[in-house]
Amino acid sequence: MSARLVLMETIAVLCGAVIGLLFVNLLHWLFADGDFIALTVSLGRFALAIITVAIFAVWYHYLPQTPAALASFFTGILLPAVIVMFSYDVPLTAPTVFLLYTGFSLVALLTYRFVLANSAVRQAASEVASGGEGRDGLR
């Protein structure tokens, strides 16, 4: 893996984690009467989101596209939901927590894939643009 690819993976993981976390906090605030600011500044929830989306990157590195998408989707639901239910003091029922993290998983996975696909397209376009010319600028 090149340094540029590692950087793009890192940016995609951070974007997916932050946007997914903001989305689940917004859902929690709207439908479960949670405190949006307190949920957003929680370092434990942020670390959990980063670890979850980093596992998405591992799935996409080792599996083909469709199994990786399915594994990432269910990892994004199960891992944070189980950790939140058993380690945080949430007054929500299990179905509510699973519904919240279904939204997180969907938004985080779509954001991760969008950012990563956008960076891959840019890298391919820059390689085509610079690789097509010869030493004197002619093809």
Protein backbone atom coordinates (compact mmCIF):
# COMPACT_ATOMS: atom_id res chain seq x y z
CA MET A 1 0.00 0.00 0.00
CA SER A 2 1.28 3.41 -0.90
CA ALA A 3 1.39 6.30 1.54
CA ARG A 4 -1.27 8.09 -0.49
CA LEU A 5 -3.64 5.13 -0.25
CA VAL A 6 -3.11 4.89 3.51
CA LEU A 7 -3.85 8.61 3.83
CA MET A 8 -7.03 8.28 1.74
CA GLU A 9 -8.17 5.28 3.82
CA THR A 10 -7.54 7.26 7.00
CA ILE A 11 -9.51 10.24 5.71
CA ALA A 12 -12.37 7.96 4.60
CA VAL A 13 -12.45 6.24 8.02
CA LEU A 14 -12.50 9.56 9.88
CA CYS A 15 -15.20 11.01 7.62
CA GLY A 16 -17.38 7.92 7.96
CA ALA A 17 -16.97 7.86 11.74
CA VAL A 18 -17.69 11.56 12.27
CA ILE A 19 -20.68 11.79 9.95
CA GLY A 20 -22.10 8.47 11.16
CA LEU A 21 -21.70 9.56 14.77
CA LEU A 22 -23.36 12.91 14.11
CA PHE A 23 -26.23 11.10 12.40
CA VAL A 24 -26.81 8.63 15.25
CA ASN A 25 -26.58 11.47 17.79
CA LEU A 26 -29.15 13.45 15.81
CA LEU A 27 -31.47 10.43 15.70
CA HIS A 28 -30.95 9.87 19.43
CA TRP A 29 -31.74 13.52 20.13
CA LEU A 30 -34.83 13.59 17.88
CA PHE A 31 -36.45 10.27 18.75
CA ALA A 32 -35.03 9.15 22.09
CA ASP A 33 -34.70 12.50 23.91
CA GLY A 34 -30.92 12.36 24.28
CA ASP A 35 -28.66 15.36 24.81
CA PHE A 36 -27.06 16.04 21.42
CA ILE A 37 -24.08 18.02 22.74
CA ALA A 38 -23.28 15.51 25.50
CA LEU A 39 -23.48 12.61 23.03
CA THR A 40 -21.35 14.41 20.45
CA VAL A 41 -18.48 15.35 22.76
CA SER A 42 -18.23 11.89 24.32
CA LEU A 43 -14.75 10.57 23.53
CA GLY A 44 -15.82 6.98 24.15
CA ARG A 45 -18.52 7.16 21.49
CA PHE A 46 -16.11 8.84 19.08
CA ALA A 47 -13.47 6.14 19.65
CA LEU A 48 -16.11 3.45 19.17
CA ALA A 49 -17.19 5.03 15.87
CA ILE A 50 -13.59 5.23 14.61
CA ILE A 51 -12.88 1.61 15.55
CA THR A 52 -16.10 0.45 13.89
CA VAL A 53 -15.39 2.27 10.62
CA ALA A 54 -11.75 1.11 10.71
CA ILE A 55 -13.11 -2.44 10.75
CA PHE A 56 -14.99 -1.50 7.55
CA ALA A 57 -11.60 -0.78 5.96
CA VAL A 58 -10.30 -4.17 7.08
CA TRP A 59 -13.34 -5.94 5.62
CA TYR A 60 -12.91 -4.13 2.30
CA HIS A 61 -9.21 -4.98 2.23
CA TYR A 62 -9.69 -8.73 2.72
CA LEU A 63 -13.09 -9.51 1.14
CA PRO A 64 -14.69 -8.94 -2.27
CA GLN A 65 -17.07 -5.98 -2.60
CA THR A 66 -20.44 -7.56 -1.77
CA PRO A 67 -19.37 -9.67 1.23
CA ALA A 68 -17.36 -6.71 2.52
CA ALA A 69 -20.39 -4.44 2.28
CA LEU A 70 -22.58 -6.94 4.13
CA ALA A 71 -19.96 -7.62 6.79
CA SER A 72 -19.39 -3.89 7.26
CA PHE A 73 -23.11 -3.17 7.51
CA PHE A 74 -23.71 -5.81 10.18
CA THR A 75 -20.50 -4.94 12.03
CA GLY A 76 -21.66 -1.32 12.10
CA ILE A 77 -24.92 -2.40 13.72
CA LEU A 78 -23.82 -5.12 16.11
CA LEU A 79 -20.49 -3.92 17.47
CA PRO A 80 -21.52 -0.43 18.64
CA ALA A 81 -25.01 -1.50 19.71
CA VAL A 82 -23.74 -4.31 21.92
CA ILE A 83 -20.99 -2.15 23.42
CA VAL A 84 -23.39 0.73 24.06
CA MET A 85 -26.02 -1.52 25.65
CA PHE A 86 -23.57 -3.24 27.99
CA SER A 87 -21.02 -0.56 28.84
CA TYR A 88 -22.89 2.77 28.76
CA ASP A 89 -25.80 3.70 30.94
CA VAL A 90 -28.46 4.15 28.26
CA PRO A 91 -32.13 4.08 29.25
CA LEU A 92 -33.13 2.88 25.78
CA THR A 93 -34.54 -0.52 24.92
CA ALA A 94 -32.54 -2.94 22.78
CA PRO A 95 -34.68 -2.48 19.63
CA THR A 96 -34.25 1.29 19.85
CA VAL A 97 -30.48 0.96 20.16
CA PHE A 98 -30.37 -1.43 17.20
CA LEU A 99 -32.47 0.96 15.10
CA LEU A 100 -30.20 3.89 15.99
CA TYR A 101 -27.10 1.96 15.02
CA THR A 102 -28.71 0.70 11.82
CA GLY A 103 -28.82 4.36 10.81
CA PHE A 104 -25.22 4.81 11.96
CA SER A 105 -24.07 1.79 9.99
CA LEU A 106 -25.80 2.87 6.81
CA VAL A 107 -24.59 6.48 6.93
CA ALA A 108 -21.04 5.60 8.02
CA LEU A 109 -20.69 2.90 5.35
CA LEU A 110 -22.04 5.14 2.58
CA THR A 111 -19.79 8.00 3.65
CA TYR A 112 -16.73 5.75 3.88
CA ARG A 113 -17.35 4.28 0.43
CA PHE A 114 -18.12 7.68 -1.13
CA VAL A 115 -14.95 9.31 0.19
CA LEU A 116 -12.80 6.31 -0.74
CA ALA A 117 -14.31 6.02 -4.24
CA ASN A 118 -13.86 9.74 -4.82
CA SER A 119 -10.18 9.51 -3.84
CA ALA A 120 -9.66 6.46 -6.07
CA VAL A 121 -11.15 8.29 -9.05
CA ARG A 122 -8.93 11.31 -8.42
CA GLN A 123 -5.85 9.12 -8.17
CA ALA A 124 -6.70 7.28 -11.40
CA ALA A 125 -7.36 10.56 -13.19
CA SER A 126 -4.04 12.02 -12.07
CA GLU A 127 -2.20 8.86 -13.17
CA VAL A 128 -3.86 8.98 -16.59
CA ALA A 129 -3.15 12.69 -16.98
CA SER A 130 0.50 12.44 -16.03
CA GLY A 131 1.21 8.98 -17.45
CA GLY A 132 -0.08 9.67 -20.95
CA GLU A 133 2.63 12.13 -21.90
CA GLY A 134 6.11 11.26 -22.95
CA ARG A 135 9.34 12.85 -21.91
CA ASP A 136 9.01 15.75 -24.36
CA GLY A 137 5.27 16.27 -23.76
CA LEU A 138 4.18 14.29 -26.83
CA ARG A 139 2.40 11.00 -26.93
